[in-house]
Amino acid sequence: MTAPLVLITGGGTGIGRATAERLSSEGWRVIATGLECDDDLLPAVHFHEADVTDPDAVLPALEGEAVLHGFVHCAGVLRHEREWQIADFDAVMKVNVHAGFGLATALLPRLEAAGGAVVTLASMWAIFGSAGAPAYTASKGAVAAVTRSMAVAWAARGVRANSVAPGWVETRMSARARTDGERVERINAAFRWDAGLSRPRSRRSSGSCCRLTPPMSRGRWCRSTAAIPFAEKETDDESLGSPPDRRARRAAARRAAKTEAGPGRGARA
């Protein structure tokens, strides 16, 4: 039987690399794409150099592959205070949002053929903002929102979509913060290690944004948790729908169970 196939943008460095190596270790065939690649990337991970904002440059990496079991959009850029300039704002949005959206839609037929899944990278800044990175913040909020739209739009086609909103992770992008010892202490004091609690409640989750907020000192969380909403796949019609839909179904089931059981201790007659 052929191993499942995943395409990961930004898969040569940082969180993308960690995800690529995790999935490769679990028997997936992994294609990483982007403009940068660490020299010590696992040989089992095939790296395809391409500008991820150009689907025509990325798709040749999948030549001869009719099905795709997963697509992970990890590629991203951060330009700090320069993002208050419109040109830099647009450049960040193009990589962080447009690239993932364009590739996901282009890959939809392959994902549908495999009953596959999409995972996108949002950020904690999508939740509370950043004074020094307005475009990055806006882009990650957009990533979470458009991923929910994918989940709703593609549910009937058997394709799930979830986003992950990491906290501080030891990557090139966080290098500036990590060189400021006082800031690192504040970060580690503010965030508790709760990655285990942030997994989707259902293994069949779609439309979720999983928040992962470890301390900076434990930044390698991504080697064990980044692929959670992507790798834990089951096919069940109840998986379709947004988190509020699932909560409503659970509440309805509890009410039905109470009605069937009749009045009991603490129940109203």
C-alpha atoms as a PDB file:
ATOM      1  CA  MET A   1       0.000   0.000   0.000  1.00  0.00           C
ATOM      2  CA  THR A   2       1.343   3.449  -0.934  1.00  0.00           C
ATOM      3  CA  ALA A   3       2.172   5.703   2.009  1.00  0.00           C
ATOM      4  CA  PRO A   4       0.079   8.875   2.409  1.00  0.00           C
ATOM      5  CA  LEU A   5       1.451  12.028   0.805  1.00  0.00           C
ATOM      6  CA  VAL A   6       1.665  15.524   2.303  1.00  0.00           C
ATOM      7  CA  LEU A   7       2.812  18.853   0.866  1.00  0.00           C
ATOM      8  CA  ILE A   8       4.188  21.383   3.360  1.00  0.00           C
ATOM      9  CA  THR A   9       4.972  24.991   2.473  1.00  0.00           C
ATOM     10  CA  GLY A  10       7.844  26.391   4.494  1.00  0.00           C
ATOM     11  CA  GLY A  11       8.761  22.782   5.189  1.00  0.00           C
ATOM     12  CA  GLY A  12      12.507  23.344   5.032  1.00  0.00           C
ATOM     13  CA  THR A  13      12.815  25.385   8.233  1.00  0.00           C
ATOM     14  CA  GLY A  14      11.169  26.035  11.587  1.00  0.00           C
ATOM     15  CA  ILE A  15       7.733  24.674  12.390  1.00  0.00           C
ATOM     16  CA  GLY A  16       7.308  23.479   8.814  1.00  0.00           C
ATOM     17  CA  ARG A  17      10.467  21.403   9.053  1.00  0.00           C
ATOM     18  CA  ALA A  18       9.456  19.970  12.430  1.00  0.00           C
ATOM     19  CA  THR A  19       6.097  18.970  10.990  1.00  0.00           C
ATOM     20  CA  ALA A  20       7.722  17.460   7.901  1.00  0.00           C
ATOM     21  CA  GLU A  21      10.144  15.372   9.950  1.00  0.00           C
ATOM     22  CA  ARG A  22       7.422  14.268  12.363  1.00  0.00           C
ATOM     23  CA  LEU A  23       5.187  13.041   9.570  1.00  0.00           C
ATOM     24  CA  SER A  24       8.112  11.424   7.760  1.00  0.00           C
ATOM     25  CA  SER A  25       8.969   9.493  10.923  1.00  0.00           C
ATOM     26  CA  GLU A  26       5.398   8.189  10.948  1.00  0.00           C
ATOM     27  CA  GLY A  27       5.652   6.811   7.435  1.00  0.00           C
ATOM     28  CA  TRP A  28       4.298   9.679   5.358  1.00  0.00           C
ATOM     29  CA  ARG A  29       5.793  10.689   2.048  1.00  0.00           C
ATOM     30  CA  VAL A  30       6.674  14.342   2.567  1.00  0.00           C
ATOM     31  CA  ILE A  31       7.284  17.088   0.029  1.00  0.00           C
ATOM     32  CA  ALA A  32       8.488  20.372   1.511  1.00  0.00           C
ATOM     33  CA  THR A  33       8.462  23.516  -0.583  1.00  0.00           C
ATOM     34  CA  GLY A  34       9.660  27.091  -0.175  1.00  0.00           C
ATOM     35  CA  LEU A  35      12.704  29.253  -0.738  1.00  0.00           C
ATOM     36  CA  GLU A  36      14.775  28.184   2.283  1.00  0.00           C
ATOM     37  CA  CYS A  37      15.932  24.798   3.542  1.00  0.00           C
ATOM     38  CA  ASP A  38      18.149  23.857   6.497  1.00  0.00           C
ATOM     39  CA  ASP A  39      21.297  21.978   5.511  1.00  0.00           C
ATOM     40  CA  ASP A  40      20.485  19.113   7.881  1.00  0.00           C
ATOM     41  CA  LEU A  41      16.892  18.519   6.771  1.00  0.00           C
ATOM     42  CA  LEU A  42      16.142  14.794   6.866  1.00  0.00           C
ATOM     43  CA  PRO A  43      16.970  13.177   3.511  1.00  0.00           C
ATOM     44  CA  ALA A  44      13.580  11.442   3.587  1.00  0.00           C
ATOM     45  CA  VAL A  45      11.906  14.850   3.196  1.00  0.00           C
ATOM     46  CA  HIS A  46      11.955  15.860  -0.465  1.00  0.00           C
ATOM     47  CA  PHE A  47      12.548  19.614  -0.807  1.00  0.00           C
ATOM     48  CA  HIS A  48      11.174  21.428  -3.843  1.00  0.00           C
ATOM     49  CA  GLU A  49      12.483  24.990  -4.107  1.00  0.00           C
ATOM     50  CA  ALA A  50       9.713  27.311  -5.249  1.00  0.00           C
ATOM     51  CA  ASP A  51       8.014  30.626  -4.553  1.00  0.00           C
ATOM     52  CA  VAL A  52       4.907  29.507  -2.657  1.00  0.00           C
ATOM     53  CA  THR A  53       2.954  32.545  -3.843  1.00  0.00           C
ATOM     54  CA  ASP A  54       3.056  31.064  -7.350  1.00  0.00           C
ATOM     55  CA  PRO A  55       1.005  27.831  -7.534  1.00  0.00           C
ATOM     56  CA  ASP A  56       2.430  27.101 -10.987  1.00  0.00           C
ATOM     57  CA  ALA A  57       5.899  26.942  -9.426  1.00  0.00           C
ATOM     58  CA  VAL A  58       4.800  24.580  -6.647  1.00  0.00           C
ATOM     59  CA  LEU A  59       2.508  22.121  -8.470  1.00  0.00           C
ATOM     60  CA  PRO A  60       5.313  20.458 -10.496  1.00  0.00           C
ATOM     61  CA  ALA A  61       6.433  18.940  -7.185  1.00  0.00           C
ATOM     62  CA  LEU A  62       3.304  16.776  -7.357  1.00  0.00           C
ATOM     63  CA  GLU A  63       3.738  15.631 -10.921  1.00  0.00           C
ATOM     64  CA  GLY A  64       2.327  12.132 -11.313  1.00  0.00           C
ATOM     65  CA  GLU A  65       0.455  12.290  -7.985  1.00  0.00           C
ATOM     66  CA  ALA A  66      -3.314  12.107  -8.424  1.00  0.00           C
ATOM     67  CA  VAL A  67      -4.138  12.178  -4.725  1.00  0.00           C
ATOM     68  CA  LEU A  68      -2.870  14.248  -1.801  1.00  0.00           C
ATOM     69  CA  HIS A  69      -3.639  13.248   1.773  1.00  0.00           C
ATOM     70  CA  GLY A  70      -2.576  16.481   3.384  1.00  0.00           C
ATOM     71  CA  PHE A  71      -1.589  20.080   2.758  1.00  0.00           C
ATOM     72  CA  VAL A  72       0.100  22.156   5.468  1.00  0.00           C
ATOM     73  CA  HIS A  73       0.702  25.874   4.955  1.00  0.00           C
ATOM     74  CA  CYS A  74       3.578  26.857   7.244  1.00  0.00           C
ATOM     75  CA  ALA A  75       5.321  29.393   5.023  1.00  0.00           C
ATOM     76  CA  GLY A  76       5.231  32.860   6.505  1.00  0.00           C
ATOM     77  CA  VAL A  77       7.093  36.159   6.735  1.00  0.00           C
ATOM     78  CA  LEU A  78       7.359  38.827   9.420  1.00  0.00           C
ATOM     79  CA  ARG A  79       8.683  42.328   8.741  1.00  0.00           C
ATOM     80  CA  HIS A  80       8.141  43.898  12.178  1.00  0.00           C
ATOM     81  CA  GLU A  81       7.692  47.715  12.196  1.00  0.00           C
ATOM     82  CA  ARG A  82       8.093  47.919   8.415  1.00  0.00           C
ATOM     83  CA  GLU A  83       4.611  46.426   8.184  1.00  0.00           C
ATOM     84  CA  TRP A  84       3.105  49.853   8.883  1.00  0.00           C
ATOM     85  CA  GLN A  85       4.082  50.655   5.288  1.00  0.00           C
ATOM     86  CA  ILE A  86       1.465  49.490   2.799  1.00  0.00           C
ATOM     87  CA  ALA A  87       3.965  47.789   0.458  1.00  0.00           C
ATOM     88  CA  ASP A  88       5.342  45.630   3.273  1.00  0.00           C
ATOM     89  CA  PHE A  89       1.841  45.000   4.604  1.00  0.00           C
ATOM     90  CA  ASP A  90       0.783  43.651   1.209  1.00  0.00           C
ATOM     91  CA  ALA A  91       3.934  41.519   0.896  1.00  0.00           C
ATOM     92  CA  VAL A  92       3.258  39.815   4.227  1.00  0.00           C
ATOM     93  CA  MET A  93      -0.376  39.160   3.351  1.00  0.00           C
ATOM     94  CA  LYS A  94       0.659  37.659   0.010  1.00  0.00           C
ATOM     95  CA  VAL A  95       2.846  34.988   1.597  1.00  0.00           C
ATOM     96  CA  ASN A  96       0.928  34.314   4.796  1.00  0.00           C
ATOM     97  CA  VAL A  97      -2.618  34.337   3.412  1.00  0.00           C
ATOM     98  CA  HIS A  98      -2.818  34.394  -0.379  1.00  0.00           C
ATOM     99  CA  ALA A  99      -0.244  31.642  -0.918  1.00  0.00           C
ATOM    100  CA  GLY A 100      -1.978  29.146   1.345  1.00  0.00           C
ATOM    101  CA  PHE A 101      -5.424  29.979  -0.004  1.00  0.00           C
ATOM    102  CA  GLY A 102      -4.291  29.708  -3.616  1.00  0.00           C
ATOM    103  CA  LEU A 103      -2.515  26.398  -3.137  1.00  0.00           C
ATOM    104  CA  ALA A 104      -5.307  24.858  -1.066  1.00  0.00           C
ATOM    105  CA  THR A 105      -7.877  25.636  -3.750  1.00  0.00           C
ATOM    106  CA  ALA A 106      -5.559  24.394  -6.500  1.00  0.00           C
ATOM    107  CA  LEU A 107      -4.974  21.166  -4.566  1.00  0.00           C
ATOM    108  CA  LEU A 108      -8.628  20.578  -3.689  1.00  0.00           C
ATOM    109  CA  PRO A 109      -9.267  17.884  -6.349  1.00  0.00           C
ATOM    110  CA  ARG A 110      -6.280  15.883  -5.102  1.00  0.00           C
ATOM    111  CA  LEU A 111      -7.324  16.346  -1.474  1.00  0.00           C
ATOM    112  CA  GLU A 112     -10.877  15.299  -2.258  1.00  0.00           C
ATOM    113  CA  ALA A 113      -9.655  12.153  -4.007  1.00  0.00           C
ATOM    114  CA  ALA A 114      -7.834  11.119  -0.809  1.00  0.00           C
ATOM    115  CA  GLY A 115     -10.350  12.391   1.738  1.00  0.00           C
ATOM    116  CA  GLY A 116      -7.485  14.581   2.872  1.00  0.00           C
ATOM    117  CA  ALA A 117      -6.968  17.455   5.277  1.00  0.00           C
ATOM    118  CA  VAL A 118      -5.642  21.010   5.329  1.00  0.00           C
ATOM    119  CA  VAL A 119      -3.718  22.525   8.236  1.00  0.00           C
ATOM    120  CA  THR A 120      -2.754  26.203   8.268  1.00  0.00           C
ATOM    121  CA  LEU A 121      -0.572  28.141  10.698  1.00  0.00           C
ATOM    122  CA  ALA A 122      -2.261  31.018  12.491  1.00  0.00           C
ATOM    123  CA  SER A 123      -0.635  32.646  15.536  1.00  0.00           C
ATOM    124  CA  MET A 124      -1.258  33.822  19.080  1.00  0.00           C
ATOM    125  CA  TRP A 125      -1.052  37.334  17.620  1.00  0.00           C
ATOM    126  CA  ALA A 126      -4.269  36.599  15.752  1.00  0.00           C
ATOM    127  CA  ILE A 127      -5.879  36.515  19.211  1.00  0.00           C
ATOM    128  CA  PHE A 128      -4.404  39.571  20.951  1.00  0.00           C
ATOM    129  CA  GLY A 129      -2.510  41.550  18.300  1.00  0.00           C
ATOM    130  CA  SER A 130       0.958  43.061  18.094  1.00  0.00           C
ATOM    131  CA  ALA A 131       1.842  46.742  18.010  1.00  0.00           C
ATOM    132  CA  GLY A 132       5.011  46.005  16.056  1.00  0.00           C
ATOM    133  CA  ALA A 133       3.640  43.654  13.412  1.00  0.00           C
ATOM    134  CA  PRO A 134       0.215  44.751  12.128  1.00  0.00           C
ATOM    135  CA  ALA A 135       0.402  42.821   8.856  1.00  0.00           C
ATOM    136  CA  TYR A 136       1.533  39.584  10.486  1.00  0.00           C
ATOM    137  CA  THR A 137      -1.264  39.947  13.037  1.00  0.00           C
ATOM    138  CA  ALA A 138      -3.879  40.650  10.363  1.00  0.00           C
ATOM    139  CA  SER A 139      -2.613  37.835   8.164  1.00  0.00           C
ATOM    140  CA  LYS A 140      -2.819  35.238  10.914  1.00  0.00           C
ATOM    141  CA  GLY A 141      -6.327  36.316  11.841  1.00  0.00           C
ATOM    142  CA  ALA A 142      -7.234  35.953   8.176  1.00  0.00           C
ATOM    143  CA  VAL A 143      -5.624  32.510   8.052  1.00  0.00           C
ATOM    144  CA  ALA A 144      -7.818  31.264  10.895  1.00  0.00           C
ATOM    145  CA  ALA A 145     -10.929  32.775   9.316  1.00  0.00           C
ATOM    146  CA  VAL A 146     -10.374  31.491   5.788  1.00  0.00           C
ATOM    147  CA  THR A 147      -9.564  28.044   7.178  1.00  0.00           C
ATOM    148  CA  ARG A 148     -12.976  27.964   8.849  1.00  0.00           C
ATOM    149  CA  SER A 149     -14.494  28.887   5.497  1.00  0.00           C
ATOM    150  CA  MET A 150     -12.611  26.018   3.858  1.00  0.00           C
ATOM    151  CA  ALA A 151     -13.941  23.638   6.501  1.00  0.00           C
ATOM    152  CA  VAL A 152     -17.529  24.683   5.847  1.00  0.00           C
ATOM    153  CA  ALA A 153     -17.201  24.844   2.057  1.00  0.00           C
ATOM    154  CA  TRP A 154     -15.354  21.548   1.621  1.00  0.00           C
ATOM    155  CA  ALA A 155     -17.003  19.411   4.286  1.00  0.00           C
ATOM    156  CA  ALA A 156     -19.389  17.809   1.804  1.00  0.00           C
ATOM    157  CA  ARG A 157     -16.375  16.865  -0.317  1.00  0.00           C
ATOM    158  CA  GLY A 158     -14.755  15.004   2.567  1.00  0.00           C
ATOM    159  CA  VAL A 159     -11.915  17.490   3.113  1.00  0.00           C
ATOM    160  CA  ARG A 160     -11.227  18.765   6.631  1.00  0.00           C
ATOM    161  CA  ALA A 161      -9.480  22.052   7.457  1.00  0.00           C
ATOM    162  CA  ASN A 162      -8.045  23.253  10.776  1.00  0.00           C
ATOM    163  CA  SER A 163      -5.609  25.943  11.839  1.00  0.00           C
ATOM    164  CA  VAL A 164      -3.023  25.946  14.605  1.00  0.00           C
ATOM    165  CA  ALA A 165      -2.181  29.108  16.584  1.00  0.00           C
ATOM    166  CA  PRO A 166       1.261  28.585  18.171  1.00  0.00           C
ATOM    167  CA  GLY A 167       2.724  30.642  20.960  1.00  0.00           C
ATOM    168  CA  TRP A 168       6.448  31.380  21.135  1.00  0.00           C
ATOM    169  CA  VAL A 169       8.553  28.811  19.292  1.00  0.00           C
ATOM    170  CA  GLU A 170      12.331  28.709  18.835  1.00  0.00           C
ATOM    171  CA  THR A 171      12.611  29.464  15.124  1.00  0.00           C
ATOM    172  CA  ARG A 172      14.400  32.037  12.986  1.00  0.00           C
ATOM    173  CA  MET A 173      11.324  34.234  13.111  1.00  0.00           C
ATOM    174  CA  SER A 174      11.486  34.551  16.904  1.00  0.00           C
ATOM    175  CA  ALA A 175      15.239  35.222  16.969  1.00  0.00           C
ATOM    176  CA  ARG A 176      14.871  38.927  17.772  1.00  0.00           C
ATOM    177  CA  ALA A 177      12.741  38.208  20.814  1.00  0.00           C
ATOM    178  CA  ARG A 178      15.008  35.391  22.002  1.00  0.00           C
ATOM    179  CA  THR A 179      18.058  37.673  22.110  1.00  0.00           C
ATOM    180  CA  ASP A 180      16.278  39.893  24.658  1.00  0.00           C
ATOM    181  CA  GLY A 181      16.680  38.033  27.961  1.00  0.00           C
ATOM    182  CA  GLU A 182      14.206  40.222  29.847  1.00  0.00           C
ATOM    183  CA  ARG A 183      11.576  39.704  27.166  1.00  0.00           C
ATOM    184  CA  VAL A 184      12.095  35.935  27.193  1.00  0.00           C
ATOM    185  CA  GLU A 185      11.491  35.894  30.959  1.00  0.00           C
ATOM    186  CA  ARG A 186       8.251  37.826  30.512  1.00  0.00           C
ATOM    187  CA  ILE A 187       7.148  35.461  27.744  1.00  0.00           C
ATOM    188  CA  ASN A 188       7.869  32.343  29.783  1.00  0.00           C
ATOM    189  CA  ALA A 189       6.066  33.795  32.796  1.00  0.00           C
ATOM    190  CA  ALA A 190       2.995  34.641  30.743  1.00  0.00           C
ATOM    191  CA  PHE A 191       2.507  31.351  28.926  1.00  0.00           C
ATOM    192  CA  ARG A 192       1.910  28.012  30.573  1.00  0.00           C
ATOM    193  CA  TRP A 193       2.644  24.665  28.959  1.00  0.00           C
ATOM    194  CA  ASP A 194      -0.800  23.618  27.750  1.00  0.00           C
ATOM    195  CA  ALA A 195      -0.169  22.053  24.334  1.00  0.00           C
ATOM    196  CA  GLY A 196      -1.695  18.792  25.513  1.00  0.00           C
ATOM    197  CA  LEU A 197      -4.932  20.587  26.394  1.00  0.00           C
ATOM    198  CA  SER A 198      -5.169  22.410  23.095  1.00  0.00           C
ATOM    199  CA  ARG A 199      -5.849  19.397  20.925  1.00  0.00           C
ATOM    200  CA  PRO A 200      -9.239  19.305  19.243  1.00  0.00           C
ATOM    201  CA  ARG A 201     -11.792  17.560  21.456  1.00  0.00           C
ATOM    202  CA  SER A 202     -12.761  15.378  18.544  1.00  0.00           C
ATOM    203  CA  ARG A 203     -10.338  13.413  16.443  1.00  0.00           C
ATOM    204  CA  ARG A 204     -12.668  14.184  13.568  1.00  0.00           C
ATOM    205  CA  SER A 205     -12.321  17.918  14.044  1.00  0.00           C
ATOM    206  CA  SER A 206     -12.765  20.395  11.222  1.00  0.00           C
ATOM    207  CA  GLY A 207     -12.998  24.172  11.403  1.00  0.00           C
ATOM    208  CA  SER A 208     -10.988  24.434  14.634  1.00  0.00           C
ATOM    209  CA  CYS A 209      -8.193  26.816  15.569  1.00  0.00           C
ATOM    210  CA  CYS A 210      -5.968  24.983  18.073  1.00  0.00           C
ATOM    211  CA  ARG A 211      -4.068  27.299  20.408  1.00  0.00           C
ATOM    212  CA  LEU A 212      -0.614  26.089  21.459  1.00  0.00           C
ATOM    213  CA  THR A 213       1.181  28.297  23.972  1.00  0.00           C
ATOM    214  CA  PRO A 214       4.366  26.743  25.431  1.00  0.00           C
ATOM    215  CA  PRO A 215       7.129  28.748  27.107  1.00  0.00           C
ATOM    216  CA  MET A 216       9.932  29.890  24.816  1.00  0.00           C
ATOM    217  CA  SER A 217      12.334  27.500  26.524  1.00  0.00           C
ATOM    218  CA  ARG A 218      10.282  24.544  25.296  1.00  0.00           C
ATOM    219  CA  GLY A 219       9.980  25.734  21.737  1.00  0.00           C
ATOM    220  CA  ARG A 220      10.421  22.276  20.222  1.00  0.00           C
ATOM    221  CA  TRP A 221       6.806  21.449  21.083  1.00  0.00           C
ATOM    222  CA  CYS A 222       6.180  21.437  17.341  1.00  0.00           C
ATOM    223  CA  ARG A 223       8.066  18.185  16.859  1.00  0.00           C
ATOM    224  CA  SER A 224       5.335  16.353  18.744  1.00  0.00           C
ATOM    225  CA  THR A 225       2.175  18.437  18.417  1.00  0.00           C
ATOM    226  CA  ALA A 226       2.161  20.482  15.216  1.00  0.00           C
ATOM    227  CA  ALA A 227       0.514  17.779  13.139  1.00  0.00           C
ATOM    228  CA  ILE A 228      -2.173  16.783  15.654  1.00  0.00           C
ATOM    229  CA  PRO A 229      -5.270  18.114  13.877  1.00  0.00           C
ATOM    230  CA  PHE A 230      -3.869  16.815  10.615  1.00  0.00           C
ATOM    231  CA  ALA A 231      -2.673  13.327  11.509  1.00  0.00           C
ATOM    232  CA  GLU A 232      -5.576  12.213  13.679  1.00  0.00           C
ATOM    233  CA  LYS A 233      -7.994  11.500  10.856  1.00  0.00           C
ATOM    234  CA  GLU A 234     -11.198   9.537  10.986  1.00  0.00           C
ATOM    235  CA  THR A 235     -14.060   9.725   8.527  1.00  0.00           C
ATOM    236  CA  ASP A 236     -17.457  10.243  10.072  1.00  0.00           C
ATOM    237  CA  ASP A 237     -20.316  12.457   8.961  1.00  0.00           C
ATOM    238  CA  GLU A 238     -20.471  13.960  12.460  1.00  0.00           C
ATOM    239  CA  SER A 239     -17.029  15.419  11.853  1.00  0.00           C
ATOM    240  CA  LEU A 240     -18.501  17.950   9.471  1.00  0.00           C
ATOM    241  CA  GLY A 241     -19.500  21.349  10.742  1.00  0.00           C
ATOM    242  CA  SER A 242     -18.025  24.077  12.894  1.00  0.00           C
ATOM    243  CA  PRO A 243     -17.170  23.796  16.615  1.00  0.00           C
ATOM    244  CA  PRO A 244     -20.434  25.578  17.589  1.00  0.00           C
ATOM    245  CA  ASP A 245     -22.326  22.958  15.570  1.00  0.00           C
ATOM    246  CA  ARG A 246     -20.615  20.167  17.478  1.00  0.00           C
ATOM    247  CA  ARG A 247     -21.300  21.820  20.838  1.00  0.00           C
ATOM    248  CA  ALA A 248     -24.955  22.199  19.915  1.00  0.00           C
ATOM    249  CA  ARG A 249     -25.154  18.516  18.960  1.00  0.00           C
ATOM    250  CA  ARG A 250     -23.577  17.475  22.259  1.00  0.00           C
ATOM    251  CA  ALA A 251     -25.976  19.696  24.240  1.00  0.00           C
ATOM    252  CA  ALA A 252     -28.940  18.270  22.343  1.00  0.00           C
ATOM    253  CA  ALA A 253     -27.734  14.727  23.043  1.00  0.00           C
ATOM    254  CA  ARG A 254     -27.457  15.475  26.775  1.00  0.00           C
ATOM    255  CA  ARG A 255     -30.967  16.930  26.852  1.00  0.00           C
ATOM    256  CA  ALA A 256     -32.322  13.908  25.014  1.00  0.00           C
ATOM    257  CA  ALA A 257     -30.615  11.535  27.449  1.00  0.00           C
ATOM    258  CA  LYS A 258     -32.086  13.359  30.443  1.00  0.00           C
ATOM    259  CA  THR A 259     -35.559  13.284  28.908  1.00  0.00           C
ATOM    260  CA  GLU A 260     -35.317   9.552  28.219  1.00  0.00           C
ATOM    261  CA  ALA A 261     -34.096   8.809  31.745  1.00  0.00           C
ATOM    262  CA  GLY A 262     -36.864  10.817  33.367  1.00  0.00           C
ATOM    263  CA  PRO A 263     -36.599  13.048  36.470  1.00  0.00           C
ATOM    264  CA  GLY A 264     -33.791  12.155  38.832  1.00  0.00           C
ATOM    265  CA  ARG A 265     -31.833  13.678  41.653  1.00  0.00           C
ATOM    266  CA  GLY A 266     -31.587  17.391  41.082  1.00  0.00           C
ATOM    267  CA  ALA A 267     -33.845  17.284  38.014  1.00  0.00           C
ATOM    268  CA  ARG A 268     -36.985  19.270  37.568  1.00  0.00           C
ATOM    269  CA  ALA A 269     -40.156  17.223  37.408  1.00  0.00           C
END
